Amino acid sequence: MASMTTVKAPSSTANLGPGFDVFGLAVDAFFDEITLTKKKSGVSIVTKDSIPTNPDNNTAGLVVKNMLKKLKIKDGVEIKIKKGVPAGFGMGSSAASAAAAVIAFNQM
């Protein structure tokens, strides 16, 4: 397991005209940046943004907690989140954090 990795995930939209949730695309305008750092135990979130820092209330935290449990990994992870995708505008802010966390975890 690598000790640290950083990943960016783009904003996205799934509401393209009459396609509703059938059509979707990544928008190369805003990115969330996630840095995962290995630690002895537990999952913690560090951020300067106004988002939940309790891993049970954060999509990146939930992803990492569930992957650690499913893969029976005893190490912990610190998640550093830099939000670039604005929340509440339908641009996939929560999904960007979750997707970046999955890719970063896989790289570790």
PDB file of N, CA and C in Angstrom:
ATOM      1  N   MET A   1       0.848  -1.175   0.000  1.00  0.00           N
ATOM      2  CA  MET A   1       0.000   0.000   0.000  1.00  0.00           C
ATOM      3  C   MET A   1       0.895   1.240   0.000  1.00  0.00           C
ATOM      4  N   ALA A   2       0.735   2.109  -0.997  1.00  0.00           N
ATOM      5  CA  ALA A   2       1.483   3.363  -1.058  1.00  0.00           C
ATOM      6  C   ALA A   2       1.084   4.228   0.132  1.00  0.00           C
ATOM      7  N   SER A   3       1.947   5.141   0.527  1.00  0.00           N
ATOM      8  CA  SER A   3       1.644   5.944   1.707  1.00  0.00           C
ATOM      9  C   SER A   3       0.801   7.181   1.396  1.00  0.00           C
ATOM     10  N   MET A   4       0.808   7.645   0.122  1.00  0.00           N
ATOM     11  CA  MET A   4       0.035   8.833  -0.226  1.00  0.00           C
ATOM     12  C   MET A   4      -0.218   8.889  -1.726  1.00  0.00           C
ATOM     13  N   THR A   5      -1.375   9.416  -2.115  1.00  0.00           N
ATOM     14  CA  THR A   5      -1.683   9.638  -3.525  1.00  0.00           C
ATOM     15  C   THR A   5      -2.699  10.766  -3.645  1.00  0.00           C
ATOM     16  N   THR A   6      -2.645  11.497  -4.767  1.00  0.00           N
ATOM     17  CA  THR A   6      -3.568  12.605  -5.028  1.00  0.00           C
ATOM     18  C   THR A   6      -4.235  12.393  -6.375  1.00  0.00           C
ATOM     19  N   VAL A   7      -5.549  12.658  -6.418  1.00  0.00           N
ATOM     20  CA  VAL A   7      -6.342  12.468  -7.635  1.00  0.00           C
ATOM     21  C   VAL A   7      -7.298  13.644  -7.787  1.00  0.00           C
ATOM     22  N   LYS A   8      -7.572  14.044  -9.041  1.00  0.00           N
ATOM     23  CA  LYS A   8      -8.580  15.062  -9.336  1.00  0.00           C
ATOM     24  C   LYS A   8      -9.729  14.407 -10.092  1.00  0.00           C
ATOM     25  N   ALA A   9     -10.953  14.850  -9.800  1.00  0.00           N
ATOM     26  CA  ALA A   9     -12.135  14.366 -10.515  1.00  0.00           C
ATOM     27  C   ALA A   9     -12.927  15.576 -11.005  1.00  0.00           C
ATOM     28  N   PRO A  10     -13.405  15.532 -12.262  1.00  0.00           N
ATOM     29  CA  PRO A  10     -14.114  16.679 -12.834  1.00  0.00           C
ATOM     30  C   PRO A  10     -15.565  16.774 -12.386  1.00  0.00           C
ATOM     31  N   SER A  11     -16.113  17.963 -12.581  1.00  0.00           N
ATOM     32  CA  SER A  11     -17.546  18.142 -12.382  1.00  0.00           C
ATOM     33  C   SER A  11     -18.269  17.399 -13.502  1.00  0.00           C
ATOM     34  N   SER A  12     -19.565  17.229 -13.341  1.00  0.00           N
ATOM     35  CA  SER A  12     -20.336  16.506 -14.356  1.00  0.00           C
ATOM     36  C   SER A  12     -21.771  16.989 -14.330  1.00  0.00           C
ATOM     37  N   THR A  13     -22.512  16.586 -15.340  1.00  0.00           N
ATOM     38  CA  THR A  13     -23.941  16.869 -15.354  1.00  0.00           C
ATOM     39  C   THR A  13     -24.661  15.711 -16.021  1.00  0.00           C
ATOM     40  N   ALA A  14     -25.851  15.441 -15.563  1.00  0.00           N
ATOM     41  CA  ALA A  14     -26.661  14.373 -16.150  1.00  0.00           C
ATOM     42  C   ALA A  14     -27.986  14.937 -16.653  1.00  0.00           C
ATOM     43  N   ASN A  15     -28.123  16.234 -16.644  1.00  0.00           N
ATOM     44  CA  ASN A  15     -29.380  16.857 -17.066  1.00  0.00           C
ATOM     45  C   ASN A  15     -29.176  17.630 -18.365  1.00  0.00           C
ATOM     46  N   LEU A  16     -29.145  16.898 -19.473  1.00  0.00           N
ATOM     47  CA  LEU A  16     -28.919  17.520 -20.775  1.00  0.00           C
ATOM     48  C   LEU A  16     -30.216  17.523 -21.582  1.00  0.00           C
ATOM     49  N   GLY A  17     -30.933  18.608 -21.507  1.00  0.00           N
ATOM     50  CA  GLY A  17     -32.153  18.765 -22.284  1.00  0.00           C
ATOM     51  C   GLY A  17     -33.141  17.635 -22.088  1.00  0.00           C
ATOM     52  N   PRO A  18     -33.742  17.157 -23.185  1.00  0.00           N
ATOM     53  CA  PRO A  18     -34.769  16.124 -23.072  1.00  0.00           C
ATOM     54  C   PRO A  18     -34.217  14.750 -22.707  1.00  0.00           C
ATOM     55  N   GLY A  19     -32.897  14.618 -22.570  1.00  0.00           N
ATOM     56  CA  GLY A  19     -32.303  13.339 -22.187  1.00  0.00           C
ATOM     57  C   GLY A  19     -32.428  13.062 -20.704  1.00  0.00           C
ATOM     58  N   PHE A  20     -32.790  14.101 -19.919  1.00  0.00           N
ATOM     59  CA  PHE A  20     -32.916  13.983 -18.473  1.00  0.00           C
ATOM     60  C   PHE A  20     -31.713  13.244 -17.890  1.00  0.00           C
ATOM     61  N   ASP A  21     -31.918  12.189 -17.143  1.00  0.00           N
ATOM     62  CA  ASP A  21     -30.802  11.482 -16.512  1.00  0.00           C
ATOM     63  C   ASP A  21     -30.210  10.387 -17.386  1.00  0.00           C
ATOM     64  N   VAL A  22     -30.597  10.341 -18.655  1.00  0.00           N
ATOM     65  CA  VAL A  22     -30.053   9.333 -19.578  1.00  0.00           C
ATOM     66  C   VAL A  22     -28.722   9.804 -20.152  1.00  0.00           C
ATOM     67  N   PHE A  23     -28.626  11.083 -20.472  1.00  0.00           N
ATOM     68  CA  PHE A  23     -27.401  11.640 -21.037  1.00  0.00           C
ATOM     69  C   PHE A  23     -26.588  12.305 -19.928  1.00  0.00           C
ATOM     70  N   GLY A  24     -25.286  12.121 -19.953  1.00  0.00           N
ATOM     71  CA  GLY A  24     -24.425  12.749 -18.961  1.00  0.00           C
ATOM     72  C   GLY A  24     -23.051  12.993 -19.538  1.00  0.00           C
ATOM     73  N   LEU A  25     -22.309  13.902 -18.937  1.00  0.00           N
ATOM     74  CA  LEU A  25     -20.947  14.163 -19.398  1.00  0.00           C
ATOM     75  C   LEU A  25     -20.122  14.801 -18.294  1.00  0.00           C
ATOM     76  N   ALA A  26     -18.821  14.619 -18.405  1.00  0.00           N
ATOM     77  CA  ALA A  26     -17.889  15.283 -17.497  1.00  0.00           C
ATOM     78  C   ALA A  26     -17.653  16.690 -18.025  1.00  0.00           C
ATOM     79  N   VAL A  27     -17.583  17.645 -17.144  1.00  0.00           N
ATOM     80  CA  VAL A  27     -17.380  19.040 -17.523  1.00  0.00           C
ATOM     81  C   VAL A  27     -15.963  19.433 -17.109  1.00  0.00           C
ATOM     82  N   ASP A  28     -15.157  19.785 -18.097  1.00  0.00           N
ATOM     83  CA  ASP A  28     -13.753  20.121 -17.848  1.00  0.00           C
ATOM     84  C   ASP A  28     -13.636  21.579 -17.389  1.00  0.00           C
ATOM     85  N   ALA A  29     -14.309  21.897 -16.287  1.00  0.00           N
ATOM     86  CA  ALA A  29     -14.288  23.265 -15.785  1.00  0.00           C
ATOM     87  C   ALA A  29     -13.892  23.319 -14.309  1.00  0.00           C
ATOM     88  N   PHE A  30     -14.454  22.417 -13.522  1.00  0.00           N
ATOM     89  CA  PHE A  30     -14.197  22.389 -12.084  1.00  0.00           C
ATOM     90  C   PHE A  30     -13.728  20.996 -11.689  1.00  0.00           C
ATOM     91  N   PHE A  31     -12.842  20.932 -10.702  1.00  0.00           N
ATOM     92  CA  PHE A  31     -12.310  19.651 -10.242  1.00  0.00           C
ATOM     93  C   PHE A  31     -12.270  19.607  -8.719  1.00  0.00           C
ATOM     94  N   ASP A  32     -12.542  18.435  -8.152  1.00  0.00           N
ATOM     95  CA  ASP A  32     -12.251  18.183  -6.742  1.00  0.00           C
ATOM     96  C   ASP A  32     -10.902  17.487  -6.690  1.00  0.00           C
ATOM     97  N   GLU A  33     -10.091  17.835  -5.705  1.00  0.00           N
ATOM     98  CA  GLU A  33      -8.797  17.175  -5.517  1.00  0.00           C
ATOM     99  C   GLU A  33      -8.818  16.433  -4.187  1.00  0.00           C
ATOM    100  N   ILE A  34      -8.526  15.153  -4.246  1.00  0.00           N
ATOM    101  CA  ILE A  34      -8.514  14.293  -3.063  1.00  0.00           C
ATOM    102  C   ILE A  34      -7.104  13.751  -2.864  1.00  0.00           C
ATOM    103  N   THR A  35      -6.573  13.907  -1.659  1.00  0.00           N
ATOM    104  CA  THR A  35      -5.291  13.307  -1.294  1.00  0.00           C
ATOM    105  C   THR A  35      -5.544  12.321  -0.165  1.00  0.00           C
ATOM    106  N   LEU A  36      -5.160  11.072  -0.389  1.00  0.00           N
ATOM    107  CA  LEU A  36      -5.269  10.052   0.646  1.00  0.00           C
ATOM    108  C   LEU A  36      -3.883   9.784   1.208  1.00  0.00           C
ATOM    109  N   THR A  37      -3.789   9.762   2.525  1.00  0.00           N
ATOM    110  CA  THR A  37      -2.541   9.468   3.216  1.00  0.00           C
ATOM    111  C   THR A  37      -2.790   8.331   4.195  1.00  0.00           C
ATOM    112  N   LYS A  38      -1.943   7.314   4.104  1.00  0.00           N
ATOM    113  CA  LYS A  38      -2.059   6.161   4.998  1.00  0.00           C
ATOM    114  C   LYS A  38      -1.746   6.587   6.425  1.00  0.00           C
ATOM    115  N   LYS A  39      -2.538   6.066   7.386  1.00  0.00           N
ATOM    116  CA  LYS A  39      -2.260   6.280   8.802  1.00  0.00           C
ATOM    117  C   LYS A  39      -2.554   4.980   9.542  1.00  0.00           C
ATOM    118  N   LYS A  40      -2.288   4.964  10.829  1.00  0.00           N
ATOM    119  CA  LYS A  40      -2.397   3.704  11.585  1.00  0.00           C
ATOM    120  C   LYS A  40      -3.805   3.141  11.639  1.00  0.00           C
ATOM    121  N   SER A  41      -4.794   3.989  11.911  1.00  0.00           N
ATOM    122  CA  SER A  41      -6.158   3.470  12.008  1.00  0.00           C
ATOM    123  C   SER A  41      -7.173   4.587  11.815  1.00  0.00           C
ATOM    124  N   GLY A  42      -8.388   4.197  11.507  1.00  0.00           N
ATOM    125  CA  GLY A  42      -9.482   5.147  11.375  1.00  0.00           C
ATOM    126  C   GLY A  42      -9.465   5.910  10.066  1.00  0.00           C
ATOM    127  N   VAL A  43     -10.537   6.648   9.841  1.00  0.00           N
ATOM    128  CA  VAL A  43     -10.674   7.494   8.656  1.00  0.00           C
ATOM    129  C   VAL A  43     -10.978   8.900   9.144  1.00  0.00           C
ATOM    130  N   SER A  44     -10.204   9.872   8.668  1.00  0.00           N
ATOM    131  CA  SER A  44     -10.432  11.269   9.036  1.00  0.00           C
ATOM    132  C   SER A  44     -10.440  12.120   7.778  1.00  0.00           C
ATOM    133  N   ILE A  45     -11.134  13.250   7.856  1.00  0.00           N
ATOM    134  CA  ILE A  45     -11.231  14.171   6.722  1.00  0.00           C
ATOM    135  C   ILE A  45     -10.685  15.524   7.141  1.00  0.00           C
ATOM    136  N   VAL A  46      -9.810  16.072   6.291  1.00  0.00           N
ATOM    137  CA  VAL A  46      -9.224  17.393   6.497  1.00  0.00           C
ATOM    138  C   VAL A  46      -9.622  18.251   5.303  1.00  0.00           C
ATOM    139  N   THR A  47     -10.174  19.424   5.564  1.00  0.00           N
ATOM    140  CA  THR A  47     -10.575  20.318   4.481  1.00  0.00           C
ATOM    141  C   THR A  47     -10.700  21.743   5.000  1.00  0.00           C
ATOM    142  N   LYS A  48     -10.568  22.696   4.102  1.00  0.00           N
ATOM    143  CA  LYS A  48     -10.798  24.101   4.434  1.00  0.00           C
ATOM    144  C   LYS A  48     -12.180  24.527   3.944  1.00  0.00           C
ATOM    145  N   ASP A  49     -12.870  23.624   3.254  1.00  0.00           N
ATOM    146  CA  ASP A  49     -14.173  23.929   2.677  1.00  0.00           C
ATOM    147  C   ASP A  49     -15.299  23.643   3.667  1.00  0.00           C
ATOM    148  N   SER A  50     -16.458  24.199   3.387  1.00  0.00           N
ATOM    149  CA  SER A  50     -17.632  24.014   4.251  1.00  0.00           C
ATOM    150  C   SER A  50     -18.384  22.747   3.854  1.00  0.00           C
ATOM    151  N   ILE A  51     -17.782  21.611   4.177  1.00  0.00           N
ATOM    152  CA  ILE A  51     -18.383  20.312   3.888  1.00  0.00           C
ATOM    153  C   ILE A  51     -18.266  19.445   5.139  1.00  0.00           C
ATOM    154  N   PRO A  52     -19.069  18.385   5.230  1.00  0.00           N
ATOM    155  CA  PRO A  52     -18.980  17.517   6.411  1.00  0.00           C
ATOM    156  C   PRO A  52     -17.594  16.881   6.552  1.00  0.00           C
ATOM    157  N   THR A  53     -17.065  16.894   7.761  1.00  0.00           N
ATOM    158  CA  THR A  53     -15.771  16.252   8.019  1.00  0.00           C
ATOM    159  C   THR A  53     -15.934  14.923   8.752  1.00  0.00           C
ATOM    160  N   ASN A  54     -17.156  14.583   9.096  1.00  0.00           N
ATOM    161  CA  ASN A  54     -17.434  13.259   9.654  1.00  0.00           C
ATOM    162  C   ASN A  54     -17.495  12.285   8.477  1.00  0.00           C
ATOM    163  N   PRO A  55     -16.638  11.272   8.433  1.00  0.00           N
ATOM    164  CA  PRO A  55     -16.616  10.346   7.291  1.00  0.00           C
ATOM    165  C   PRO A  55     -17.961   9.683   6.998  1.00  0.00           C
ATOM    166  N   ASP A  56     -18.822   9.561   8.006  1.00  0.00           N
ATOM    167  CA  ASP A  56     -20.138   8.958   7.793  1.00  0.00           C
ATOM    168  C   ASP A  56     -21.104   9.894   7.073  1.00  0.00           C
ATOM    169  N   ASN A  57     -20.744  11.170   6.975  1.00  0.00           N
ATOM    170  CA  ASN A  57     -21.605  12.162   6.331  1.00  0.00           C
ATOM    171  C   ASN A  57     -20.953  12.783   5.102  1.00  0.00           C
ATOM    172  N   ASN A  58     -19.946  12.142   4.563  1.00  0.00           N
ATOM    173  CA  ASN A  58     -19.190  12.674   3.430  1.00  0.00           C
ATOM    174  C   ASN A  58     -18.995  11.543   2.419  1.00  0.00           C
ATOM    175  N   THR A  59     -19.277  11.798   1.152  1.00  0.00           N
ATOM    176  CA  THR A  59     -19.204  10.721   0.154  1.00  0.00           C
ATOM    177  C   THR A  59     -17.807  10.125   0.041  1.00  0.00           C
ATOM    178  N   ALA A  60     -16.780  10.942   0.116  1.00  0.00           N
ATOM    179  CA  ALA A  60     -15.410  10.412   0.051  1.00  0.00           C
ATOM    180  C   ALA A  60     -15.118   9.559   1.283  1.00  0.00           C
ATOM    181  N   GLY A  61     -15.575  10.005   2.435  1.00  0.00           N
ATOM    182  CA  GLY A  61     -15.377   9.250   3.667  1.00  0.00           C
ATOM    183  C   GLY A  61     -16.090   7.913   3.647  1.00  0.00           C
ATOM    184  N   LEU A  62     -17.319   7.906   3.149  1.00  0.00           N
ATOM    185  CA  LEU A  62     -18.080   6.656   3.056  1.00  0.00           C
ATOM    186  C   LEU A  62     -17.411   5.664   2.117  1.00  0.00           C
ATOM    187  N   VAL A  63     -16.915   6.166   0.987  1.00  0.00           N
ATOM    188  CA  VAL A  63     -16.226   5.296   0.022  1.00  0.00           C
ATOM    189  C   VAL A  63     -15.016   4.635   0.676  1.00  0.00           C
ATOM    190  N   VAL A  64     -14.176   5.437   1.306  1.00  0.00           N
ATOM    191  CA  VAL A  64     -12.945   4.913   1.902  1.00  0.00           C
ATOM    192  C   VAL A  64     -13.259   3.947   3.042  1.00  0.00           C
ATOM    193  N   LYS A  65     -14.199   4.310   3.917  1.00  0.00           N
ATOM    194  CA  LYS A  65     -14.559   3.413   5.026  1.00  0.00           C
ATOM    195  C   LYS A  65     -15.050   2.063   4.507  1.00  0.00           C
ATOM    196  N   ASN A  66     -15.909   2.096   3.498  1.00  0.00           N
ATOM    197  CA  ASN A  66     -16.452   0.845   2.966  1.00  0.00           C
ATOM    198  C   ASN A  66     -15.408   0.011   2.241  1.00  0.00           C
ATOM    199  N   MET A  67     -14.481   0.664   1.544  1.00  0.00           N
ATOM    200  CA  MET A  67     -13.430  -0.089   0.858  1.00  0.00           C
ATOM    201  C   MET A  67     -12.469  -0.723   1.869  1.00  0.00           C
ATOM    202  N   LEU A  68     -12.121   0.002   2.921  1.00  0.00           N
ATOM    203  CA  LEU A  68     -11.262  -0.569   3.963  1.00  0.00           C
ATOM    204  C   LEU A  68     -11.923  -1.805   4.580  1.00  0.00           C
ATOM    205  N   LYS A  69     -13.219  -1.678   4.862  1.00  0.00           N
ATOM    206  CA  LYS A  69     -13.956  -2.787   5.481  1.00  0.00           C
ATOM    207  C   LYS A  69     -14.070  -3.979   4.528  1.00  0.00           C
ATOM    208  N   LYS A  70     -14.495  -3.710   3.294  1.00  0.00           N
ATOM    209  CA  LYS A  70     -14.705  -4.790   2.325  1.00  0.00           C
ATOM    210  C   LYS A  70     -13.413  -5.536   2.009  1.00  0.00           C
ATOM    211  N   LEU A  71     -12.307  -4.800   1.928  1.00  0.00           N
ATOM    212  CA  LEU A  71     -11.017  -5.411   1.595  1.00  0.00           C
ATOM    213  C   LEU A  71     -10.252  -5.872   2.840  1.00  0.00           C
ATOM    214  N   LYS A  72     -10.861  -5.703   4.014  1.00  0.00           N
ATOM    215  CA  LYS A  72     -10.276  -6.140   5.289  1.00  0.00           C
ATOM    216  C   LYS A  72      -8.883  -5.547   5.526  1.00  0.00           C
ATOM    217  N   ILE A  73      -8.768  -4.242   5.241  1.00  0.00           N
ATOM    218  CA  ILE A  73      -7.508  -3.521   5.447  1.00  0.00           C
ATOM    219  C   ILE A  73      -7.561  -2.870   6.823  1.00  0.00           C
ATOM    220  N   LYS A  74      -6.563  -3.113   7.626  1.00  0.00           N
ATOM    221  CA  LYS A  74      -6.550  -2.617   9.006  1.00  0.00           C
ATOM    222  C   LYS A  74      -5.980  -1.200   9.129  1.00  0.00           C
ATOM    223  N   ASP A  75      -5.198  -0.752   8.132  1.00  0.00           N
ATOM    224  CA  ASP A  75      -4.649   0.604   8.164  1.00  0.00           C
ATOM    225  C   ASP A  75      -5.781   1.623   8.074  1.00  0.00           C
ATOM    226  N   GLY A  76      -5.485   2.847   8.475  1.00  0.00           N
ATOM    227  CA  GLY A  76      -6.430   3.936   8.350  1.00  0.00           C
ATOM    228  C   GLY A  76      -6.028   4.867   7.221  1.00  0.00           C
ATOM    229  N   VAL A  77      -6.876   5.859   6.960  1.00  0.00           N
ATOM    230  CA  VAL A  77      -6.626   6.800   5.870  1.00  0.00           C
ATOM    231  C   VAL A  77      -7.067   8.199   6.285  1.00  0.00           C
ATOM    232  N   GLU A  78      -6.203   9.180   6.010  1.00  0.00           N
ATOM    233  CA  GLU A  78      -6.588  10.584   6.122  1.00  0.00           C
ATOM    234  C   GLU A  78      -6.981  11.047   4.725  1.00  0.00           C
ATOM    235  N   ILE A  79      -8.125  11.701   4.623  1.00  0.00           N
ATOM    236  CA  ILE A  79      -8.627  12.201   3.342  1.00  0.00           C
ATOM    237  C   ILE A  79      -8.544  13.720   3.374  1.00  0.00           C
ATOM    238  N   LYS A  80      -7.750  14.291   2.475  1.00  0.00           N
ATOM    239  CA  LYS A  80      -7.675  15.750   2.350  1.00  0.00           C
ATOM    240  C   LYS A  80      -8.484  16.127   1.116  1.00  0.00           C
ATOM    241  N   ILE A  81      -9.461  16.996   1.295  1.00  0.00           N
ATOM    242  CA  ILE A  81     -10.358  17.365   0.198  1.00  0.00           C
ATOM    243  C   ILE A  81     -10.220  18.848  -0.113  1.00  0.00           C
ATOM    244  N   LYS A  82      -9.958  19.151  -1.392  1.00  0.00           N
ATOM    245  CA  LYS A  82      -9.997  20.526  -1.903  1.00  0.00           C
ATOM    246  C   LYS A  82     -11.152  20.574  -2.894  1.00  0.00           C
ATOM    247  N   LYS A  83     -12.238  21.243  -2.506  1.00  0.00           N
ATOM    248  CA  LYS A  83     -13.412  21.319  -3.363  1.00  0.00           C
ATOM    249  C   LYS A  83     -13.192  22.358  -4.453  1.00  0.00           C
ATOM    250  N   GLY A  84     -13.363  21.915  -5.684  1.00  0.00           N
ATOM    251  CA  GLY A  84     -13.340  22.823  -6.821  1.00  0.00           C
ATOM    252  C   GLY A  84     -14.683  22.817  -7.517  1.00  0.00           C
ATOM    253  N   VAL A  85     -15.443  21.739  -7.304  1.00  0.00           N
ATOM    254  CA  VAL A  85     -16.779  21.617  -7.884  1.00  0.00           C
ATOM    255  C   VAL A  85     -17.758  22.258  -6.904  1.00  0.00           C
ATOM    256  N   PRO A  86     -18.473  23.302  -7.347  1.00  0.00           N
ATOM    257  CA  PRO A  86     -19.395  23.970  -6.430  1.00  0.00           C
ATOM    258  C   PRO A  86     -20.556  23.060  -6.029  1.00  0.00           C
ATOM    259  N   ALA A  87     -20.878  23.063  -4.753  1.00  0.00           N
ATOM    260  CA  ALA A  87     -21.982  22.239  -4.245  1.00  0.00           C
ATOM    261  C   ALA A  87     -23.318  22.937  -4.488  1.00  0.00           C
ATOM    262  N   GLY A  88     -24.347  22.141  -4.735  1.00  0.00           N
ATOM    263  CA  GLY A  88     -25.696  22.675  -4.858  1.00  0.00           C
ATOM    264  C   GLY A  88     -26.055  23.248  -6.212  1.00  0.00           C
ATOM    265  N   PHE A  89     -25.247  23.025  -7.228  1.00  0.00           N
ATOM    266  CA  PHE A  89     -25.528  23.564  -8.555  1.00  0.00           C
ATOM    267  C   PHE A  89     -25.778  22.474  -9.591  1.00  0.00           C
ATOM    268  N   GLY A  90     -25.928  21.230  -9.154  1.00  0.00           N
ATOM    269  CA  GLY A  90     -26.189  20.133 -10.081  1.00  0.00           C
ATOM    270  C   GLY A  90     -24.990  19.753 -10.927  1.00  0.00           C
ATOM    271  N   MET A  91     -23.783  19.986 -10.402  1.00  0.00           N
ATOM    272  CA  MET A  91     -22.572  19.687 -11.165  1.00  0.00           C
ATOM    273  C   MET A  91     -21.817  18.483 -10.619  1.00  0.00           C
ATOM    274  N   GLY A  92     -22.474  17.674  -9.806  1.00  0.00           N
ATOM    275  CA  GLY A  92     -21.866  16.433  -9.332  1.00  0.00           C
ATOM    276  C   GLY A  92     -20.790  16.613  -8.285  1.00  0.00           C
ATOM    277  N   SER A  93     -20.966  17.560  -7.388  1.00  0.00           N
ATOM    278  CA  SER A  93     -19.963  17.826  -6.360  1.00  0.00           C
ATOM    279  C   SER A  93     -19.695  16.606  -5.479  1.00  0.00           C
ATOM    280  N   SER A  94     -20.745  15.981  -4.986  1.00  0.00           N
ATOM    281  CA  SER A  94     -20.577  14.793  -4.137  1.00  0.00           C
ATOM    282  C   SER A  94     -19.988  13.636  -4.926  1.00  0.00           C
ATOM    283  N   ALA A  95     -20.448  13.480  -6.162  1.00  0.00           N
ATOM    284  CA  ALA A  95     -19.944  12.391  -7.009  1.00  0.00           C
ATOM    285  C   ALA A  95     -18.468  12.583  -7.337  1.00  0.00           C
ATOM    286  N   ALA A  96     -18.036  13.826  -7.551  1.00  0.00           N
ATOM    287  CA  ALA A  96     -16.627  14.086  -7.857  1.00  0.00           C
ATOM    288  C   ALA A  96     -15.739  13.669  -6.687  1.00  0.00           C
ATOM    289  N   SER A  97     -16.159  13.993  -5.477  1.00  0.00           N
ATOM    290  CA  SER A  97     -15.379  13.593  -4.297  1.00  0.00           C
ATOM    291  C   SER A  97     -15.339  12.076  -4.153  1.00  0.00           C
ATOM    292  N   ALA A  98     -16.481  11.432  -4.344  1.00  0.00           N
ATOM    293  CA  ALA A  98     -16.543   9.970  -4.225  1.00  0.00           C
ATOM    294  C   ALA A  98     -15.701   9.293  -5.298  1.00  0.00           C
ATOM    295  N   ALA A  99     -15.809   9.761  -6.537  1.00  0.00           N
ATOM    296  CA  ALA A  99     -15.050   9.157  -7.641  1.00  0.00           C
ATOM    297  C   ALA A  99     -13.547   9.325  -7.432  1.00  0.00           C
ATOM    298  N   ALA A 100     -13.130  10.512  -7.023  1.00  0.00           N
ATOM    299  CA  ALA A 100     -11.700  10.744  -6.776  1.00  0.00           C
ATOM    300  C   ALA A 100     -11.199   9.859  -5.637  1.00  0.00           C
ATOM    301  N   ALA A 101     -12.032   9.668  -4.612  1.00  0.00           N
ATOM    302  CA  ALA A 101     -11.636   8.813  -3.486  1.00  0.00           C
ATOM    303  C   ALA A 101     -11.450   7.366  -3.933  1.00  0.00           C
ATOM    304  N   VAL A 102     -12.333   6.878  -4.804  1.00  0.00           N
ATOM    305  CA  VAL A 102     -12.218   5.501  -5.318  1.00  0.00           C
ATOM    306  C   VAL A 102     -10.921   5.326  -6.092  1.00  0.00           C
ATOM    307  N   ILE A 103     -10.634   6.247  -6.998  1.00  0.00           N
ATOM    308  CA  ILE A 103      -9.422   6.152  -7.828  1.00  0.00           C
ATOM    309  C   ILE A 103      -8.175   6.261  -6.950  1.00  0.00           C
ATOM    310  N   ALA A 104      -8.175   7.212  -6.018  1.00  0.00           N
ATOM    311  CA  ALA A 104      -7.015   7.380  -5.131  1.00  0.00           C
ATOM    312  C   ALA A 104      -6.801   6.135  -4.276  1.00  0.00           C
ATOM    313  N   PHE A 105      -7.881   5.577  -3.742  1.00  0.00           N
ATOM    314  CA  PHE A 105      -7.769   4.372  -2.918  1.00  0.00           C
ATOM    315  C   PHE A 105      -7.196   3.225  -3.743  1.00  0.00           C
ATOM    316  N   ASN A 106      -7.665   3.094  -4.966  1.00  0.00           N
ATOM    317  CA  ASN A 106      -7.164   2.032  -5.851  1.00  0.00           C
ATOM    318  C   ASN A 106      -5.671   2.208  -6.144  1.00  0.00           C
ATOM    319  N   GLN A 107      -5.207   3.453  -6.242  1.00  0.00           N
ATOM    320  CA  GLN A 107      -3.791   3.715  -6.509  1.00  0.00           C
ATOM    321  C   GLN A 107      -2.914   3.393  -5.304  1.00  0.00           C
ATOM    322  N   MET A 108      -3.508   3.422  -4.120  1.00  0.00           N
ATOM    323  CA  MET A 108      -2.729   3.117  -2.920  1.00  0.00           C
ATOM    324  C   MET A 108      -2.521   1.622  -2.833  1.00  0.00           C
TER     325      MET A 108
END
